[in-house]
Amino acid sequence: MRDLKEFARENGLVDEVLDIDRMKFKWADDKSCGKSSYSTFVKKGCLLRLLLEKHLLNEFKDLRWPIGHSATGERQIRRFLYIADAHENYRPSP
């Protein structure tokens, strides 16, 4: 994850990286959902989404994470994005 953050900062996304670092996790207090250990995955997903939105993801893979171009890397990216989306859409049970 350090490489993701460094790359984003190097490309002028300092404020966005800080926002992601400061994220509060909606499911952190809801032990019934069993997702409290996913915080790092959520942050990775948010960082990957940021690079994707800024059209920097391929450059990141070229320079820092060549395995990201492989089927395994693409699967990891989809997983992190899925977990980040699940966090954004999470609603605690009543």
C-alpha atoms as a PDB file:
ATOM      1  CA  MET A   1       0.000   0.000   0.000  1.00  0.00           C
ATOM      2  CA  ARG A   2       2.964   2.292   0.563  1.00  0.00           C
ATOM      3  CA  ASP A   3       3.709   2.269  -3.179  1.00  0.00           C
ATOM      4  CA  LEU A   4       0.097   3.232  -3.936  1.00  0.00           C
ATOM      5  CA  LYS A   5       0.256   6.191  -1.562  1.00  0.00           C
ATOM      6  CA  GLU A   6       3.693   7.325  -2.731  1.00  0.00           C
ATOM      7  CA  PHE A   7       2.697   7.134  -6.379  1.00  0.00           C
ATOM      8  CA  ALA A   8      -0.521   9.072  -5.758  1.00  0.00           C
ATOM      9  CA  ARG A   9       1.364  11.767  -3.827  1.00  0.00           C
ATOM     10  CA  GLU A  10       4.033  12.005  -6.539  1.00  0.00           C
ATOM     11  CA  ASN A  11       1.224  12.677  -9.008  1.00  0.00           C
ATOM     12  CA  GLY A  12      -0.251  15.585  -7.049  1.00  0.00           C
ATOM     13  CA  LEU A  13      -2.922  13.696  -5.105  1.00  0.00           C
ATOM     14  CA  VAL A  14      -1.623  14.588  -1.628  1.00  0.00           C
ATOM     15  CA  ASP A  15      -4.960  15.861  -0.287  1.00  0.00           C
ATOM     16  CA  GLU A  16      -6.857  12.863  -1.617  1.00  0.00           C
ATOM     17  CA  VAL A  17      -4.390  10.443   0.026  1.00  0.00           C
ATOM     18  CA  LEU A  18      -4.801  12.301   3.332  1.00  0.00           C
ATOM     19  CA  ASP A  19      -8.586  12.028   3.045  1.00  0.00           C
ATOM     20  CA  ILE A  20      -8.313   8.279   2.491  1.00  0.00           C
ATOM     21  CA  ASP A  21      -5.908   7.924   5.439  1.00  0.00           C
ATOM     22  CA  ARG A  22      -8.389   9.742   7.681  1.00  0.00           C
ATOM     23  CA  MET A  23     -11.406   7.679   6.620  1.00  0.00           C
ATOM     24  CA  LYS A  24     -13.806   6.561   9.326  1.00  0.00           C
ATOM     25  CA  PHE A  25     -15.117   3.081   8.787  1.00  0.00           C
ATOM     26  CA  LYS A  26     -18.886   2.733   8.927  1.00  0.00           C
ATOM     27  CA  TRP A  27     -18.693  -0.908   9.909  1.00  0.00           C
ATOM     28  CA  ALA A  28     -15.967  -0.488  12.583  1.00  0.00           C
ATOM     29  CA  ASP A  29     -18.511  -0.407  15.413  1.00  0.00           C
ATOM     30  CA  ASP A  30     -20.815  -3.047  13.973  1.00  0.00           C
ATOM     31  CA  LYS A  31     -19.211  -6.334  15.038  1.00  0.00           C
ATOM     32  CA  SER A  32     -22.142  -8.299  13.617  1.00  0.00           C
ATOM     33  CA  CYS A  33     -21.055  -7.597  10.045  1.00  0.00           C
ATOM     34  CA  GLY A  34     -17.652  -9.262  10.527  1.00  0.00           C
ATOM     35  CA  LYS A  35     -15.827  -6.696   8.394  1.00  0.00           C
ATOM     36  CA  SER A  36     -13.691  -4.794  10.916  1.00  0.00           C
ATOM     37  CA  SER A  37     -10.495  -6.355   9.559  1.00  0.00           C
ATOM     38  CA  TYR A  38     -11.122  -5.025   6.045  1.00  0.00           C
ATOM     39  CA  SER A  39      -9.970  -1.423   6.717  1.00  0.00           C
ATOM     40  CA  THR A  40      -6.694  -1.817   4.808  1.00  0.00           C
ATOM     41  CA  PHE A  41      -8.527  -3.410   1.875  1.00  0.00           C
ATOM     42  CA  VAL A  42     -10.999  -0.506   1.806  1.00  0.00           C
ATOM     43  CA  LYS A  43      -8.141   1.992   1.719  1.00  0.00           C
ATOM     44  CA  LYS A  44      -6.361   0.071  -1.049  1.00  0.00           C
ATOM     45  CA  GLY A  45      -9.598  -0.001  -3.023  1.00  0.00           C
ATOM     46  CA  CYS A  46     -10.085   3.737  -2.564  1.00  0.00           C
ATOM     47  CA  LEU A  47      -6.508   4.437  -3.655  1.00  0.00           C
ATOM     48  CA  LEU A  48      -6.879   2.195  -6.705  1.00  0.00           C
ATOM     49  CA  ARG A  49     -10.182   3.872  -7.606  1.00  0.00           C
ATOM     50  CA  LEU A  50      -8.506   7.275  -7.293  1.00  0.00           C
ATOM     51  CA  LEU A  51      -5.734   6.218  -9.682  1.00  0.00           C
ATOM     52  CA  LEU A  52      -8.319   4.750 -12.042  1.00  0.00           C
ATOM     53  CA  GLU A  53     -10.381   7.966 -12.035  1.00  0.00           C
ATOM     54  CA  LYS A  54      -7.261  10.067 -12.668  1.00  0.00           C
ATOM     55  CA  HIS A  55      -6.157   7.733 -15.499  1.00  0.00           C
ATOM     56  CA  LEU A  56      -2.999   6.808 -13.584  1.00  0.00           C
ATOM     57  CA  LEU A  57      -3.617   3.140 -12.823  1.00  0.00           C
ATOM     58  CA  ASN A  58      -1.854   1.757 -15.898  1.00  0.00           C
ATOM     59  CA  GLU A  59       1.143   3.989 -15.246  1.00  0.00           C
ATOM     60  CA  PHE A  60       1.229   2.771 -11.632  1.00  0.00           C
ATOM     61  CA  LYS A  61       1.196  -0.831 -12.839  1.00  0.00           C
ATOM     62  CA  ASP A  62       3.903  -0.113 -15.427  1.00  0.00           C
ATOM     63  CA  LEU A  63       6.239   1.608 -12.976  1.00  0.00           C
ATOM     64  CA  ARG A  64       5.541   0.073  -9.579  1.00  0.00           C
ATOM     65  CA  TRP A  65       3.400  -3.051  -9.850  1.00  0.00           C
ATOM     66  CA  PRO A  66       3.937  -4.985 -13.099  1.00  0.00           C
ATOM     67  CA  ILE A  67       1.994  -7.988 -11.770  1.00  0.00           C
ATOM     68  CA  GLY A  68      -1.024  -5.670 -11.840  1.00  0.00           C
ATOM     69  CA  HIS A  69      -1.239  -6.329 -15.580  1.00  0.00           C
ATOM     70  CA  SER A  70      -1.577 -10.095 -15.019  1.00  0.00           C
ATOM     71  CA  ALA A  71      -4.802 -12.002 -14.399  1.00  0.00           C
ATOM     72  CA  THR A  72      -3.831 -12.287 -10.722  1.00  0.00           C
ATOM     73  CA  GLY A  73      -3.222  -8.549 -10.445  1.00  0.00           C
ATOM     74  CA  GLU A  74      -6.494  -7.708 -12.189  1.00  0.00           C
ATOM     75  CA  ARG A  75      -8.313 -10.070  -9.819  1.00  0.00           C
ATOM     76  CA  GLN A  76      -6.728  -8.306  -6.813  1.00  0.00           C
ATOM     77  CA  ILE A  77      -7.756  -4.915  -8.174  1.00  0.00           C
ATOM     78  CA  ARG A  78     -11.355  -6.079  -8.654  1.00  0.00           C
ATOM     79  CA  ARG A  79     -11.400  -7.468  -5.100  1.00  0.00           C
ATOM     80  CA  PHE A  80     -10.115  -4.229  -3.543  1.00  0.00           C
ATOM     81  CA  LEU A  81     -12.579  -2.147  -5.571  1.00  0.00           C
ATOM     82  CA  TYR A  82     -15.430  -4.490  -4.577  1.00  0.00           C
ATOM     83  CA  ILE A  83     -14.559  -4.170  -0.873  1.00  0.00           C
ATOM     84  CA  ALA A  84     -14.293  -0.365  -1.131  1.00  0.00           C
ATOM     85  CA  ASP A  85     -17.707  -0.269  -2.844  1.00  0.00           C
ATOM     86  CA  ALA A  86     -19.172  -2.569  -0.179  1.00  0.00           C
ATOM     87  CA  HIS A  87     -17.934  -0.165   2.485  1.00  0.00           C
ATOM     88  CA  GLU A  88     -19.451   2.846   0.744  1.00  0.00           C
ATOM     89  CA  ASN A  89     -22.791   1.065   0.373  1.00  0.00           C
ATOM     90  CA  TYR A  90     -22.799  -0.452   3.880  1.00  0.00           C
ATOM     91  CA  ARG A  91     -25.861   0.207   6.011  1.00  0.00           C
ATOM     92  CA  PRO A  92     -25.863  -1.012   9.641  1.00  0.00           C
ATOM     93  CA  SER A  93     -28.623  -3.421  10.603  1.00  0.00           C
ATOM     94  CA  PRO A  94     -31.412  -1.852  12.634  1.00  0.00           C
END
